Amino acid sequence: MCTYAMVDYKVHYVCIACRQSHKLPWDGAEHLCTRCRTPMLFAGHDFAAPRKTDDRKWAAVEAVLKAGLRYEGFQFCGCGREPKYRPRTSAQVRARRRVAARKGLTEAEALALPDPADA
């Protein structure tokens, strides 16, 4: 039996407007931003928040979360990790959106590509 199977891990929730993230229990409830009181987006186990002043990185975070992707690499038992690629800057997001338009991919599929040339 896995040693991590009985542990409840906290996950990241993000408010894009306020540029805040909080680690809260994953209980299926709607978590509100402590500043603006709007619902926060579920970002996953492996989210690392950029600095509040970094507009390009927050634009990339917004694009990833709005496309329905999460920052995950965590397996539920806790034994294995397979980190998934996510773009870090708005330039990387734009490049992947161009690939999506050219190749007929969905935005989520294109944003998950590590290298747009591989599409």
Protein backbone atom coordinates (compact mmCIF):
# COMPACT_ATOMS: atom_id res chain seq x y z
CA MET A 1 0.00 0.00 0.00
CA CYS A 2 1.20 3.46 -0.83
CA THR A 3 2.35 5.58 2.10
CA TYR A 4 0.71 8.68 0.59
CA ALA A 5 -2.71 7.13 0.02
CA MET A 6 -4.08 8.34 3.36
CA VAL A 7 -2.80 11.93 3.08
CA ASP A 8 -5.07 14.78 1.97
CA TYR A 9 -3.00 17.18 -0.09
CA LYS A 10 -3.86 20.85 -0.41
CA VAL A 11 -4.17 22.29 -3.89
CA HIS A 12 -3.69 25.74 -5.36
CA TYR A 13 -6.58 28.08 -6.08
CA VAL A 14 -5.93 31.28 -8.05
CA CYS A 15 -7.64 34.64 -8.44
CA ILE A 16 -6.41 36.07 -11.74
CA ALA A 17 -7.84 39.56 -11.13
CA CYS A 18 -6.08 39.98 -7.78
CA ARG A 19 -3.05 37.85 -8.74
CA GLN A 20 -3.30 35.81 -5.58
CA SER A 21 -3.00 32.10 -4.96
CA HIS A 22 -3.85 30.07 -1.89
CA LYS A 23 -3.33 26.44 -0.95
CA LEU A 24 -6.62 25.09 0.30
CA PRO A 25 -8.09 21.63 0.83
CA TRP A 26 -9.53 20.01 -2.25
CA ASP A 27 -13.08 19.52 -1.06
CA GLY A 28 -15.11 20.36 -4.16
CA ALA A 29 -16.43 23.54 -2.55
CA GLU A 30 -16.26 26.96 -4.18
CA HIS A 31 -13.44 28.99 -2.63
CA LEU A 32 -13.71 32.77 -2.75
CA CYS A 33 -10.84 35.22 -3.14
CA THR A 34 -10.01 36.86 0.16
CA ARG A 35 -9.66 40.22 -1.53
CA CYS A 36 -12.41 40.55 -4.18
CA ARG A 37 -14.73 37.72 -3.04
CA THR A 38 -15.03 36.19 -6.54
CA PRO A 39 -14.68 32.42 -7.06
CA MET A 40 -11.07 31.30 -7.39
CA LEU A 41 -9.93 28.95 -10.16
CA PHE A 42 -8.58 25.50 -9.35
CA ALA A 43 -4.95 25.50 -10.52
CA GLY A 44 -3.80 22.04 -9.45
CA HIS A 45 -1.14 20.59 -7.18
CA ASP A 46 1.97 21.91 -8.95
CA PHE A 47 1.13 25.57 -9.55
CA ALA A 48 3.85 28.11 -8.79
CA ALA A 49 2.53 31.67 -8.74
CA PRO A 50 4.54 34.30 -10.62
CA ARG A 51 5.32 37.66 -9.06
CA LYS A 52 2.36 40.02 -8.95
CA THR A 53 4.12 42.52 -11.21
CA ASP A 54 4.96 40.04 -13.98
CA ASP A 55 2.20 40.71 -16.52
CA ARG A 56 3.48 38.26 -19.17
CA LYS A 57 3.53 35.30 -16.81
CA TRP A 58 0.09 36.09 -15.36
CA ALA A 59 -1.28 36.31 -18.91
CA ALA A 60 0.08 32.81 -19.54
CA VAL A 61 -1.46 31.52 -16.28
CA GLU A 62 -4.82 33.00 -17.27
CA ALA A 63 -4.68 31.41 -20.74
CA VAL A 64 -3.81 27.99 -19.31
CA LEU A 65 -6.55 28.04 -16.68
CA LYS A 66 -9.20 29.45 -19.05
CA ALA A 67 -8.38 26.65 -21.53
CA GLY A 68 -9.29 24.13 -18.83
CA LEU A 69 -5.76 22.93 -18.14
CA ARG A 70 -4.27 22.53 -14.68
CA TYR A 71 -0.76 22.54 -13.31
CA GLU A 72 -0.55 18.85 -12.48
CA GLY A 73 2.05 16.15 -12.32
CA PHE A 74 0.76 14.60 -9.15
CA GLN A 75 -0.75 11.15 -9.12
CA PHE A 76 -3.50 10.57 -6.59
CA CYS A 77 -1.53 8.01 -4.58
CA GLY A 78 1.44 10.39 -4.34
CA CYS A 79 4.01 7.88 -5.55
CA GLY A 80 4.65 9.14 -9.04
CA ARG A 81 5.08 12.45 -10.74
CA GLU A 82 4.87 13.14 -14.43
CA PRO A 83 5.03 16.93 -14.80
CA LYS A 84 3.09 18.33 -17.72
CA TYR A 85 4.36 21.23 -19.81
CA ARG A 86 2.60 24.59 -19.44
CA PRO A 87 3.65 27.85 -21.15
CA ARG A 88 5.26 30.40 -18.86
CA THR A 89 5.03 33.62 -20.88
CA SER A 90 2.48 35.28 -23.11
CA ALA A 91 4.87 34.87 -26.08
CA GLN A 92 4.79 31.09 -25.62
CA VAL A 93 0.99 31.23 -25.44
CA ARG A 94 0.83 33.22 -28.70
CA ALA A 95 3.13 30.73 -30.45
CA ARG A 96 0.95 27.82 -29.38
CA ARG A 97 -2.23 29.60 -30.45
CA ARG A 98 -0.73 30.10 -33.93
CA VAL A 99 0.04 26.40 -34.09
CA ALA A 100 -3.52 25.58 -32.99
CA ALA A 101 -4.96 27.74 -35.77
CA ARG A 102 -2.61 26.29 -38.38
CA LYS A 103 -2.91 22.61 -37.41
CA GLY A 104 -6.56 22.58 -36.35
CA LEU A 105 -5.86 21.75 -32.69
CA THR A 106 -7.92 22.92 -29.77
CA GLU A 107 -6.41 25.64 -27.62
CA ALA A 108 -5.96 23.21 -24.71
CA GLU A 109 -4.10 20.71 -26.91
CA ALA A 110 -1.82 23.43 -28.27
CA LEU A 111 -1.05 24.91 -24.84
CA ALA A 112 -0.05 21.47 -23.55
CA LEU A 113 2.56 21.00 -26.31
CA PRO A 114 6.14 21.30 -25.05
CA ASP A 115 7.38 22.42 -28.47
CA PRO A 116 4.97 23.85 -31.04
CA ALA A 117 7.10 22.45 -33.88
CA ASP A 118 6.13 18.92 -32.73
CA ALA A 119 2.47 19.43 -33.59
